[in-house]
Amino acid sequence: MTLFREIPDENGNLIYHINMDNFLKTGDRSDFIKILPNDTVIIQQKPLSYVLSNVGLINTFMSMLNLYLSIQINARRN
């Protein structure tokens, strides 16, 4: 997870990379950063999550391909 600050903090940092693994394993919140107004948090999507979120798109494409092939087969028979 990455946090982007609009205004640098007292240390001059604009970008923080936050590792959630330690929190998920131990529950330790000591590495957490206070989120301020206008901060932007980016959570990267895992590959499997990306595929699952696009299943509808893949299904639509396959349906259109199936329809196209069916039309082509029927046109050749006539």
PDB file of N, CA and C in Angstrom:
ATOM      1  N   MET A   1       0.861  -1.152   0.000  1.00  0.00           N
ATOM      2  CA  MET A   1       0.000   0.000   0.000  1.00  0.00           C
ATOM      3  C   MET A   1       0.913   1.221   0.000  1.00  0.00           C
ATOM      4  N   THR A   2       0.518   2.248  -0.750  1.00  0.00           N
ATOM      5  CA  THR A   2       1.297   3.476  -0.835  1.00  0.00           C
ATOM      6  C   THR A   2       0.417   4.652  -0.458  1.00  0.00           C
ATOM      7  N   LEU A   3       0.980   5.553   0.339  1.00  0.00           N
ATOM      8  CA  LEU A   3       0.273   6.762   0.748  1.00  0.00           C
ATOM      9  C   LEU A   3       1.016   7.962   0.160  1.00  0.00           C
ATOM     10  N   PHE A   4       0.276   8.829  -0.527  1.00  0.00           N
ATOM     11  CA  PHE A   4       0.835  10.034  -1.114  1.00  0.00           C
ATOM     12  C   PHE A   4       0.297  11.245  -0.365  1.00  0.00           C
ATOM     13  N   ARG A   5       1.203  12.101   0.075  1.00  0.00           N
ATOM     14  CA  ARG A   5       0.815  13.318   0.778  1.00  0.00           C
ATOM     15  C   ARG A   5       0.742  14.479  -0.208  1.00  0.00           C
ATOM     16  N   GLU A   6      -0.241  15.340  -0.023  1.00  0.00           N
ATOM     17  CA  GLU A   6      -0.330  16.554  -0.832  1.00  0.00           C
ATOM     18  C   GLU A   6       0.738  17.550  -0.395  1.00  0.00           C
ATOM     19  N   ILE A   7       0.957  17.620   0.902  1.00  0.00           N
ATOM     20  CA  ILE A   7       1.934  18.542   1.482  1.00  0.00           C
ATOM     21  C   ILE A   7       2.953  17.701   2.256  1.00  0.00           C
ATOM     22  N   PRO A   8       4.262  17.943   2.071  1.00  0.00           N
ATOM     23  CA  PRO A   8       5.264  17.158   2.807  1.00  0.00           C
ATOM     24  C   PRO A   8       5.070  17.272   4.316  1.00  0.00           C
ATOM     25  N   ASP A   9       5.365  16.176   5.017  1.00  0.00           N
ATOM     26  CA  ASP A   9       5.268  16.212   6.477  1.00  0.00           C
ATOM     27  C   ASP A   9       6.506  16.904   7.063  1.00  0.00           C
ATOM     28  N   GLU A  10       6.649  16.871   8.387  1.00  0.00           N
ATOM     29  CA  GLU A  10       7.767  17.565   9.041  1.00  0.00           C
ATOM     30  C   GLU A  10       9.131  17.008   8.639  1.00  0.00           C
ATOM     31  N   ASN A  11       9.164  15.775   8.127  1.00  0.00           N
ATOM     32  CA  ASN A  11      10.415  15.166   7.656  1.00  0.00           C
ATOM     33  C   ASN A  11      10.644  15.385   6.161  1.00  0.00           C
ATOM     34  N   GLY A  12       9.705  16.049   5.485  1.00  0.00           N
ATOM     35  CA  GLY A  12       9.820  16.302   4.047  1.00  0.00           C
ATOM     36  C   GLY A  12       9.338  15.146   3.183  1.00  0.00           C
ATOM     37  N   ASN A  13       8.706  14.147   3.798  1.00  0.00           N
ATOM     38  CA  ASN A  13       8.232  12.983   3.038  1.00  0.00           C
ATOM     39  C   ASN A  13       6.900  13.270   2.360  1.00  0.00           C
ATOM     40  N   LEU A  14       6.821  12.876   1.090  1.00  0.00           N
ATOM     41  CA  LEU A  14       5.566  12.961   0.341  1.00  0.00           C
ATOM     42  C   LEU A  14       4.965  11.580   0.084  1.00  0.00           C
ATOM     43  N   ILE A  15       5.812  10.547   0.086  1.00  0.00           N
ATOM     44  CA  ILE A  15       5.373   9.188  -0.251  1.00  0.00           C
ATOM     45  C   ILE A  15       5.776   8.234   0.868  1.00  0.00           C
ATOM     46  N   TYR A  16       4.828   7.398   1.281  1.00  0.00           N
ATOM     47  CA  TYR A  16       5.085   6.358   2.275  1.00  0.00           C
ATOM     48  C   TYR A  16       4.682   5.017   1.672  1.00  0.00           C
ATOM     49  N   HIS A  17       5.543   4.037   1.800  1.00  0.00           N
ATOM     50  CA  HIS A  17       5.206   2.665   1.413  1.00  0.00           C
ATOM     51  C   HIS A  17       4.886   1.921   2.702  1.00  0.00           C
ATOM     52  N   ILE A  18       3.671   1.410   2.786  1.00  0.00           N
ATOM     53  CA  ILE A  18       3.184   0.782   4.008  1.00  0.00           C
ATOM     54  C   ILE A  18       3.095  -0.722   3.789  1.00  0.00           C
ATOM     55  N   ASN A  19       3.791  -1.481   4.623  1.00  0.00           N
ATOM     56  CA  ASN A  19       3.778  -2.932   4.543  1.00  0.00           C
ATOM     57  C   ASN A  19       2.733  -3.457   5.529  1.00  0.00           C
ATOM     58  N   MET A  20       1.652  -3.998   5.007  1.00  0.00           N
ATOM     59  CA  MET A  20       0.566  -4.483   5.856  1.00  0.00           C
ATOM     60  C   MET A  20       0.804  -5.908   6.375  1.00  0.00           C
ATOM     61  N   ASP A  21       1.832  -6.590   5.849  1.00  0.00           N
ATOM     62  CA  ASP A  21       2.085  -7.973   6.257  1.00  0.00           C
ATOM     63  C   ASP A  21       2.317  -8.090   7.757  1.00  0.00           C
ATOM     64  N   ASN A  22       3.130  -7.193   8.318  1.00  0.00           N
ATOM     65  CA  ASN A  22       3.414  -7.249   9.752  1.00  0.00           C
ATOM     66  C   ASN A  22       2.133  -7.081  10.571  1.00  0.00           C
ATOM     67  N   PHE A  23       1.286  -6.141  10.166  1.00  0.00           N
ATOM     68  CA  PHE A  23       0.022  -5.943  10.881  1.00  0.00           C
ATOM     69  C   PHE A  23      -0.881  -7.164  10.767  1.00  0.00           C
ATOM     70  N   LEU A  24      -0.977  -7.728   9.566  1.00  0.00           N
ATOM     71  CA  LEU A  24      -1.852  -8.885   9.369  1.00  0.00           C
ATOM     72  C   LEU A  24      -1.372 -10.110  10.138  1.00  0.00           C
ATOM     73  N   LYS A  25      -0.053 -10.243  10.285  1.00  0.00           N
ATOM     74  CA  LYS A  25       0.498 -11.406  10.998  1.00  0.00           C
ATOM     75  C   LYS A  25       0.456 -11.238  12.517  1.00  0.00           C
ATOM     76  N   THR A  26       0.757 -10.016  12.998  1.00  0.00           N
ATOM     77  CA  THR A  26       0.919  -9.831  14.439  1.00  0.00           C
ATOM     78  C   THR A  26      -0.114  -8.911  15.080  1.00  0.00           C
ATOM     79  N   GLY A  27      -0.786  -8.086  14.263  1.00  0.00           N
ATOM     80  CA  GLY A  27      -1.722  -7.114  14.814  1.00  0.00           C
ATOM     81  C   GLY A  27      -1.031  -5.853  15.308  1.00  0.00           C
ATOM     82  N   ASP A  28       0.277  -5.745  15.077  1.00  0.00           N
ATOM     83  CA  ASP A  28       1.067  -4.598  15.535  1.00  0.00           C
ATOM     84  C   ASP A  28       0.785  -3.378  14.654  1.00  0.00           C
ATOM     85  N   ARG A  29       0.323  -2.306  15.273  1.00  0.00           N
ATOM     86  CA  ARG A  29      -0.019  -1.085  14.538  1.00  0.00           C
ATOM     87  C   ARG A  29       1.050  -0.001  14.658  1.00  0.00           C
ATOM     88  N   SER A  30       2.211  -0.330  15.180  1.00  0.00           N
ATOM     89  CA  SER A  30       3.242   0.684  15.428  1.00  0.00           C
ATOM     90  C   SER A  30       3.787   1.305  14.143  1.00  0.00           C
ATOM     91  N   ASP A  31       3.687   0.613  13.016  1.00  0.00           N
ATOM     92  CA  ASP A  31       4.182   1.146  11.743  1.00  0.00           C
ATOM     93  C   ASP A  31       3.141   1.987  11.014  1.00  0.00           C
ATOM     94  N   PHE A  32       1.951   2.107  11.571  1.00  0.00           N
ATOM     95  CA  PHE A  32       0.897   2.866  10.893  1.00  0.00           C
ATOM     96  C   PHE A  32       1.242   4.347  10.836  1.00  0.00           C
ATOM     97  N   ILE A  33       0.769   5.003   9.795  1.00  0.00           N
ATOM     98  CA  ILE A  33       0.971   6.429   9.589  1.00  0.00           C
ATOM     99  C   ILE A  33      -0.382   7.111   9.695  1.00  0.00           C
ATOM    100  N   LYS A  34      -0.423   8.245  10.352  1.00  0.00           N
ATOM    101  CA  LYS A  34      -1.678   8.985  10.471  1.00  0.00           C
ATOM    102  C   LYS A  34      -2.069   9.522   9.098  1.00  0.00           C
ATOM    103  N   ILE A  35      -3.286   9.218   8.677  1.00  0.00           N
ATOM    104  CA  ILE A  35      -3.795   9.707   7.399  1.00  0.00           C
ATOM    105  C   ILE A  35      -4.362  11.102   7.614  1.00  0.00           C
ATOM    106  N   LEU A  36      -3.904  12.021   6.781  1.00  0.00           N
ATOM    107  CA  LEU A  36      -4.304  13.420   6.883  1.00  0.00           C
ATOM    108  C   LEU A  36      -5.257  13.788   5.752  1.00  0.00           C
ATOM    109  N   PRO A  37      -5.981  14.908   5.880  1.00  0.00           N
ATOM    110  CA  PRO A  37      -6.841  15.353   4.774  1.00  0.00           C
ATOM    111  C   PRO A  37      -6.022  15.523   3.489  1.00  0.00           C
ATOM    112  N   ASN A  38      -6.620  15.134   2.386  1.00  0.00           N
ATOM    113  CA  ASN A  38      -6.024  15.200   1.049  1.00  0.00           C
ATOM    114  C   ASN A  38      -4.923  14.179   0.809  1.00  0.00           C
ATOM    115  N   ASP A  39      -4.694  13.236   1.717  1.00  0.00           N
ATOM    116  CA  ASP A  39      -3.786  12.126   1.455  1.00  0.00           C
ATOM    117  C   ASP A  39      -4.473  11.166   0.488  1.00  0.00           C
ATOM    118  N   THR A  40      -3.686  10.520  -0.339  1.00  0.00           N
ATOM    119  CA  THR A  40      -4.206   9.540  -1.281  1.00  0.00           C
ATOM    120  C   THR A  40      -3.596   8.192  -0.953  1.00  0.00           C
ATOM    121  N   VAL A  41      -4.429   7.170  -0.806  1.00  0.00           N
ATOM    122  CA  VAL A  41      -3.964   5.820  -0.500  1.00  0.00           C
ATOM    123  C   VAL A  41      -4.206   4.946  -1.728  1.00  0.00           C
ATOM    124  N   ILE A  42      -3.135   4.296  -2.192  1.00  0.00           N
ATOM    125  CA  ILE A  42      -3.221   3.398  -3.341  1.00  0.00           C
ATOM    126  C   ILE A  42      -2.988   1.975  -2.838  1.00  0.00           C
ATOM    127  N   ILE A  43      -3.936   1.093  -3.113  1.00  0.00           N
ATOM    128  CA  ILE A  43      -3.809  -0.318  -2.753  1.00  0.00           C
ATOM    129  C   ILE A  43      -3.697  -1.092  -4.054  1.00  0.00           C
ATOM    130  N   GLN A  44      -2.546  -1.738  -4.257  1.00  0.00           N
ATOM    131  CA  GLN A  44      -2.320  -2.455  -5.505  1.00  0.00           C
ATOM    132  C   GLN A  44      -3.180  -3.705  -5.569  1.00  0.00           C
ATOM    133  N   GLN A  45      -3.669  -3.957  -6.772  1.00  0.00           N
ATOM    134  CA  GLN A  45      -4.548  -5.094  -6.994  1.00  0.00           C
ATOM    135  C   GLN A  45      -3.712  -6.331  -7.297  1.00  0.00           C
ATOM    136  N   LYS A  46      -4.049  -7.438  -6.692  1.00  0.00           N
ATOM    137  CA  LYS A  46      -3.371  -8.701  -6.949  1.00  0.00           C
ATOM    138  C   LYS A  46      -3.825  -9.254  -8.298  1.00  0.00           C
ATOM    139  N   PRO A  47      -2.962 -10.036  -8.986  1.00  0.00           N
ATOM    140  CA  PRO A  47      -3.328 -10.561 -10.312  1.00  0.00           C
ATOM    141  C   PRO A  47      -4.635 -11.352 -10.313  1.00  0.00           C
ATOM    142  N   LEU A  48      -4.844 -12.213  -9.327  1.00  0.00           N
ATOM    143  CA  LEU A  48      -6.081 -13.003  -9.289  1.00  0.00           C
ATOM    144  C   LEU A  48      -7.293 -12.098  -9.136  1.00  0.00           C
ATOM    145  N   SER A  49      -7.180 -11.083  -8.312  1.00  0.00           N
ATOM    146  CA  SER A  49      -8.271 -10.141  -8.135  1.00  0.00           C
ATOM    147  C   SER A  49      -8.584  -9.425  -9.443  1.00  0.00           C
ATOM    148  N   TYR A  50      -7.538  -9.071 -10.198  1.00  0.00           N
ATOM    149  CA  TYR A  50      -7.731  -8.414 -11.494  1.00  0.00           C
ATOM    150  C   TYR A  50      -8.483  -9.335 -12.456  1.00  0.00           C
ATOM    151  N   VAL A  51      -8.067 -10.590 -12.505  1.00  0.00           N
ATOM    152  CA  VAL A  51      -8.727 -11.555 -13.408  1.00  0.00           C
ATOM    153  C   VAL A  51     -10.185 -11.718 -13.009  1.00  0.00           C
ATOM    154  N   LEU A  52     -10.444 -11.900 -11.708  1.00  0.00           N
ATOM    155  CA  LEU A  52     -11.817 -12.104 -11.253  1.00  0.00           C
ATOM    156  C   LEU A  52     -12.690 -10.876 -11.500  1.00  0.00           C
ATOM    157  N   SER A  53     -12.109  -9.689 -11.404  1.00  0.00           N
ATOM    158  CA  SER A  53     -12.898  -8.483 -11.643  1.00  0.00           C
ATOM    159  C   SER A  53     -13.219  -8.291 -13.115  1.00  0.00           C
ATOM    160  N   ASN A  54     -12.469  -8.968 -13.989  1.00  0.00           N
ATOM    161  CA  ASN A  54     -12.702  -8.841 -15.423  1.00  0.00           C
ATOM    162  C   ASN A  54     -13.351 -10.072 -16.033  1.00  0.00           C
ATOM    163  N   VAL A  55     -13.858 -10.973 -15.204  1.00  0.00           N
ATOM    164  CA  VAL A  55     -14.515 -12.175 -15.716  1.00  0.00           C
ATOM    165  C   VAL A  55     -15.707 -11.797 -16.595  1.00  0.00           C
ATOM    166  N   GLY A  56     -16.445 -10.780 -16.221  1.00  0.00           N
ATOM    167  CA  GLY A  56     -17.588 -10.342 -17.025  1.00  0.00           C
ATOM    168  C   GLY A  56     -17.158  -9.918 -18.411  1.00  0.00           C
ATOM    169  N   LEU A  57     -16.049  -9.214 -18.519  1.00  0.00           N
ATOM    170  CA  LEU A  57     -15.521  -8.787 -19.812  1.00  0.00           C
ATOM    171  C   LEU A  57     -15.112  -9.989 -20.649  1.00  0.00           C
ATOM    172  N   ILE A  58     -14.422 -10.939 -20.015  1.00  0.00           N
ATOM    173  CA  ILE A  58     -14.000 -12.150 -20.725  1.00  0.00           C
ATOM    174  C   ILE A  58     -15.219 -12.945 -21.175  1.00  0.00           C
ATOM    175  N   ASN A  59     -16.228 -13.052 -20.320  1.00  0.00           N
ATOM    176  CA  ASN A  59     -17.450 -13.773 -20.664  1.00  0.00           C
ATOM    177  C   ASN A  59     -18.157 -13.113 -21.842  1.00  0.00           C
ATOM    178  N   THR A  60     -18.232 -11.797 -21.853  1.00  0.00           N
ATOM    179  CA  THR A  60     -18.858 -11.073 -22.958  1.00  0.00           C
ATOM    180  C   THR A  60     -18.105 -11.321 -24.257  1.00  0.00           C
ATOM    181  N   PHE A  61     -16.781 -11.259 -24.203  1.00  0.00           N
ATOM    182  CA  PHE A  61     -15.970 -11.506 -25.388  1.00  0.00           C
ATOM    183  C   PHE A  61     -16.199 -12.919 -25.919  1.00  0.00           C
ATOM    184  N   MET A  62     -16.204 -13.901 -25.028  1.00  0.00           N
ATOM    185  CA  MET A  62     -16.406 -15.289 -25.456  1.00  0.00           C
ATOM    186  C   MET A  62     -17.806 -15.489 -26.044  1.00  0.00           C
ATOM    187  N   SER A  63     -18.807 -14.830 -25.487  1.00  0.00           N
ATOM    188  CA  SER A  63     -20.167 -14.921 -26.034  1.00  0.00           C
ATOM    189  C   SER A  63     -20.237 -14.323 -27.429  1.00  0.00           C
ATOM    190  N   MET A  64     -19.572 -13.197 -27.610  1.00  0.00           N
ATOM    191  CA  MET A  64     -19.558 -12.571 -28.939  1.00  0.00           C
ATOM    192  C   MET A  64     -18.819 -13.453 -29.946  1.00  0.00           C
ATOM    193  N   LEU A  65     -17.722 -14.072 -29.538  1.00  0.00           N
ATOM    194  CA  LEU A  65     -16.981 -14.981 -30.404  1.00  0.00           C
ATOM    195  C   LEU A  65     -17.845 -16.181 -30.768  1.00  0.00           C
ATOM    196  N   ASN A  66     -18.557 -16.721 -29.801  1.00  0.00           N
ATOM    197  CA  ASN A  66     -19.448 -17.850 -30.048  1.00  0.00           C
ATOM    198  C   ASN A  66     -20.545 -17.471 -31.038  1.00  0.00           C
ATOM    199  N   LEU A  67     -21.137 -16.286 -30.869  1.00  0.00           N
ATOM    200  CA  LEU A  67     -22.171 -15.816 -31.789  1.00  0.00           C
ATOM    201  C   LEU A  67     -21.612 -15.643 -33.196  1.00  0.00           C
ATOM    202  N   TYR A  68     -20.430 -15.043 -33.310  1.00  0.00           N
ATOM    203  CA  TYR A  68     -19.797 -14.848 -34.617  1.00  0.00           C
ATOM    204  C   TYR A  68     -19.540 -16.183 -35.303  1.00  0.00           C
ATOM    205  N   LEU A  69     -18.982 -17.143 -34.565  1.00  0.00           N
ATOM    206  CA  LEU A  69     -18.698 -18.449 -35.154  1.00  0.00           C
ATOM    207  C   LEU A  69     -19.977 -19.175 -35.550  1.00  0.00           C
ATOM    208  N   SER A  70     -21.024 -19.050 -34.760  1.00  0.00           N
ATOM    209  CA  SER A  70     -22.312 -19.673 -35.100  1.00  0.00           C
ATOM    210  C   SER A  70     -22.874 -19.091 -36.387  1.00  0.00           C
ATOM    211  N   ILE A  71     -22.778 -17.782 -36.550  1.00  0.00           N
ATOM    212  CA  ILE A  71     -23.259 -17.127 -37.778  1.00  0.00           C
ATOM    213  C   ILE A  71     -22.445 -17.588 -38.975  1.00  0.00           C
ATOM    214  N   GLN A  72     -21.145 -17.703 -38.797  1.00  0.00           N
ATOM    215  CA  GLN A  72     -20.283 -18.151 -39.894  1.00  0.00           C
ATOM    216  C   GLN A  72     -20.606 -19.586 -40.315  1.00  0.00           C
ATOM    217  N   ILE A  73     -20.832 -20.463 -39.349  1.00  0.00           N
ATOM    218  CA  ILE A  73     -21.159 -21.856 -39.655  1.00  0.00           C
ATOM    219  C   ILE A  73     -22.505 -21.929 -40.370  1.00  0.00           C
ATOM    220  N   ASN A  74     -23.503 -21.197 -39.891  1.00  0.00           N
ATOM    221  CA  ASN A  74     -24.822 -21.204 -40.524  1.00  0.00           C
ATOM    222  C   ASN A  74     -24.765 -20.604 -41.916  1.00  0.00           C
ATOM    223  N   ALA A  75     -23.949 -19.602 -42.150  1.00  0.00           N
ATOM    224  CA  ALA A  75     -23.822 -18.980 -43.479  1.00  0.00           C
ATOM    225  C   ALA A  75     -23.195 -19.960 -44.461  1.00  0.00           C
ATOM    226  N   ARG A  76     -22.271 -20.768 -44.028  1.00  0.00           N
ATOM    227  CA  ARG A  76     -21.614 -21.753 -44.922  1.00  0.00           C
ATOM    228  C   ARG A  76     -22.561 -22.898 -45.264  1.00  0.00           C
ATOM    229  N   ARG A  77     -23.488 -23.220 -44.375  1.00  0.00           N
ATOM    230  CA  ARG A  77     -24.433 -24.300 -44.647  1.00  0.00           C
ATOM    231  C   ARG A  77     -25.461 -23.892 -45.688  1.00  0.00           C
ATOM    232  N   ASN A  78     -25.760 -22.605 -45.734  1.00  0.00           N
ATOM    233  CA  ASN A  78     -26.796 -22.131 -46.666  1.00  0.00           C
ATOM    234  C   ASN A  78     -26.135 -21.767 -47.933  1.00  0.00           C
TER     235      ASN A  78
END
